[in-house]
C-alpha atoms as a PDB file:
ATOM      1  CA  MET A   1     -29.208  37.522 -40.877  1.00  0.00           C
ATOM      2  CA  HIS A   2     -29.086  34.829 -38.197  1.00  0.00           C
ATOM      3  CA  LEU A   3     -29.513  31.218 -39.265  1.00  0.00           C
ATOM      4  CA  ARG A   4     -32.133  29.488 -37.097  1.00  0.00           C
ATOM      5  CA  ALA A   5     -32.188  25.717 -36.783  1.00  0.00           C
ATOM      6  CA  ARG A   6     -35.438  23.982 -37.654  1.00  0.00           C
ATOM      7  CA  ASP A   7     -34.240  20.369 -37.514  1.00  0.00           C
ATOM      8  CA  LYS A   8     -32.080  18.342 -35.152  1.00  0.00           C
ATOM      9  CA  ASN A   9     -28.363  18.467 -35.987  1.00  0.00           C
ATOM     10  CA  GLN A  10     -28.816  21.407 -38.371  1.00  0.00           C
ATOM     11  CA  LEU A  11     -26.897  23.976 -36.316  1.00  0.00           C
ATOM     12  CA  ALA A  12     -24.373  23.362 -33.546  1.00  0.00           C
ATOM     13  CA  LEU A  13     -23.439  26.271 -31.304  1.00  0.00           C
ATOM     14  CA  TYR A  14     -20.251  26.295 -29.274  1.00  0.00           C
ATOM     15  CA  ASP A  15     -18.591  28.581 -26.801  1.00  0.00           C
ATOM     16  CA  VAL A  16     -15.721  28.542 -24.323  1.00  0.00           C
ATOM     17  CA  VAL A  17     -16.611  29.933 -20.909  1.00  0.00           C
ATOM     18  CA  MET A  18     -14.002  30.856 -18.303  1.00  0.00           C
ATOM     19  CA  ASN A  19     -14.313  30.614 -14.536  1.00  0.00           C
ATOM     20  CA  ARG A  20     -12.053  30.059 -11.543  1.00  0.00           C
ATOM     21  CA  ALA A  21     -11.868  27.029  -9.279  1.00  0.00           C
ATOM     22  CA  GLU A  22     -12.011  27.343  -5.512  1.00  0.00           C
ATOM     23  CA  ASP A  23      -8.191  27.336  -5.382  1.00  0.00           C
ATOM     24  CA  GLY A  24      -8.064  30.274  -7.828  1.00  0.00           C
ATOM     25  CA  CYS A  25      -6.931  28.258 -10.866  1.00  0.00           C
ATOM     26  CA  ARG A  26      -8.532  29.207 -14.159  1.00  0.00           C
ATOM     27  CA  LEU A  27     -10.973  26.704 -15.672  1.00  0.00           C
ATOM     28  CA  ARG A  28     -12.464  26.744 -19.145  1.00  0.00           C
ATOM     29  CA  LEU A  29     -15.583  24.945 -20.284  1.00  0.00           C
ATOM     30  CA  LEU A  30     -16.211  24.101 -23.929  1.00  0.00           C
ATOM     31  CA  ALA A  31     -19.951  23.679 -24.464  1.00  0.00           C
ATOM     32  CA  VAL A  32     -21.567  22.437 -27.691  1.00  0.00           C
ATOM     33  CA  ILE A  33     -25.360  22.853 -28.047  1.00  0.00           C
ATOM     34  CA  ASP A  34     -27.793  21.611 -30.703  1.00  0.00           C
ATOM     35  CA  GLU A  35     -29.787  24.798 -31.315  1.00  0.00           C
ATOM     36  CA  SER A  36     -32.977  23.062 -32.454  1.00  0.00           C
ATOM     37  CA  THR A  37     -33.348  20.729 -29.467  1.00  0.00           C
ATOM     38  CA  GLU A  38     -31.371  22.903 -27.022  1.00  0.00           C
ATOM     39  CA  GLU A  39     -29.595  19.681 -26.038  1.00  0.00           C
ATOM     40  CA  CYS A  40     -26.083  19.978 -24.675  1.00  0.00           C
ATOM     41  CA  ALA A  41     -24.156  17.645 -26.983  1.00  0.00           C
ATOM     42  CA  ALA A  42     -20.823  18.023 -25.161  1.00  0.00           C
ATOM     43  CA  VAL A  43     -19.131  19.774 -22.276  1.00  0.00           C
ATOM     44  CA  ASP A  44     -15.371  19.549 -21.913  1.00  0.00           C
ATOM     45  CA  VAL A  45     -13.487  21.111 -18.996  1.00  0.00           C
ATOM     46  CA  GLY A  46      -9.811  22.050 -18.910  1.00  0.00           C
ATOM     47  CA  ARG A  47      -7.287  24.702 -17.951  1.00  0.00           C
ATOM     48  CA  SER A  48      -7.012  25.742 -21.606  1.00  0.00           C
ATOM     49  CA  PHE A  49      -8.220  24.679 -25.057  1.00  0.00           C
ATOM     50  CA  THR A  50      -6.192  24.654 -28.236  1.00  0.00           C
ATOM     51  CA  SER A  51      -7.764  24.505 -31.672  1.00  0.00           C
ATOM     52  CA  GLN A  52      -6.732  20.824 -31.716  1.00  0.00           C
ATOM     53  CA  ASN A  53      -8.736  20.204 -28.511  1.00  0.00           C
ATOM     54  CA  VAL A  54     -11.812  21.859 -30.011  1.00  0.00           C
ATOM     55  CA  MET A  55     -11.463  19.912 -33.269  1.00  0.00           C
ATOM     56  CA  GLY A  56     -11.110  16.687 -31.272  1.00  0.00           C
ATOM     57  CA  VAL A  57     -14.412  17.330 -29.486  1.00  0.00           C
ATOM     58  CA  PHE A  58     -16.124  18.039 -32.819  1.00  0.00           C
ATOM     59  CA  GLN A  59     -14.622  14.954 -34.481  1.00  0.00           C
ATOM     60  CA  TYR A  60     -15.975  12.800 -31.656  1.00  0.00           C
ATOM     61  CA  LEU A  61     -19.418  14.427 -31.921  1.00  0.00           C
ATOM     62  CA  PHE A  62     -19.488  14.039 -35.715  1.00  0.00           C
ATOM     63  CA  ALA A  63     -18.700  10.331 -35.367  1.00  0.00           C
ATOM     64  CA  ALA A  64     -21.295   9.836 -32.624  1.00  0.00           C
ATOM     65  CA  ARG A  65     -24.106  12.118 -33.838  1.00  0.00           C
ATOM     66  CA  GLY A  66     -23.399  12.950 -37.484  1.00  0.00           C
ATOM     67  CA  THR A  67     -22.125  16.193 -38.989  1.00  0.00           C
ATOM     68  CA  PRO A  68     -24.322  19.260 -38.474  1.00  0.00           C
ATOM     69  CA  GLU A  69     -25.058  21.409 -41.491  1.00  0.00           C
ATOM     70  CA  HIS A  70     -23.541  24.466 -39.781  1.00  0.00           C
ATOM     71  CA  ILE A  71     -21.484  25.342 -36.731  1.00  0.00           C
ATOM     72  CA  ARG A  72     -21.637  28.733 -35.073  1.00  0.00           C
ATOM     73  CA  SER A  73     -19.360  30.075 -32.402  1.00  0.00           C
ATOM     74  CA  HIS A  74     -20.800  32.547 -29.948  1.00  0.00           C
ATOM     75  CA  ARG A  75     -18.138  34.960 -31.222  1.00  0.00           C
ATOM     76  CA  LEU A  76     -17.831  34.005 -34.908  1.00  0.00           C
ATOM     77  CA  VAL A  77     -19.998  33.911 -38.006  1.00  0.00           C
ATOM     78  CA  VAL A  78     -21.704  30.764 -39.255  1.00  0.00           C
ATOM     79  CA  THR A  79     -19.404  28.290 -40.986  1.00  0.00           C
ATOM     80  CA  THR A  80     -20.173  25.224 -43.032  1.00  0.00           C
ATOM     81  CA  ALA A  81     -19.196  22.155 -41.034  1.00  0.00           C
ATOM     82  CA  GLN A  82     -18.612  19.998 -44.090  1.00  0.00           C
ATOM     83  CA  SER A  83     -15.952  22.336 -45.476  1.00  0.00           C
ATOM     84  CA  SER A  84     -14.142  22.641 -42.131  1.00  0.00           C
ATOM     85  CA  TYR A  85     -14.059  19.070 -40.869  1.00  0.00           C
ATOM     86  CA  PRO A  86     -13.849  15.620 -42.464  1.00  0.00           C
ATOM     87  CA  ARG A  87     -16.883  13.361 -42.197  1.00  0.00           C
END
């Protein structure tokens, strides 16, 4: 069963997308979307992302926008944000 967001900041979706720059170097984009509003809350670009990089983006978003009830990766099951990250 897929959780569907009904309210703003209820469900954040994130994914890392890979592409190549004109010079052939690999680029990755970390995108975080509020499912209810379809607003792009963050986009971070880099050559690679560690779990620390991803957590840093979420910590910034939580401070700026509040903690969503749930976070879902494009590739993972729904997790509870409050149990994974400090407020």
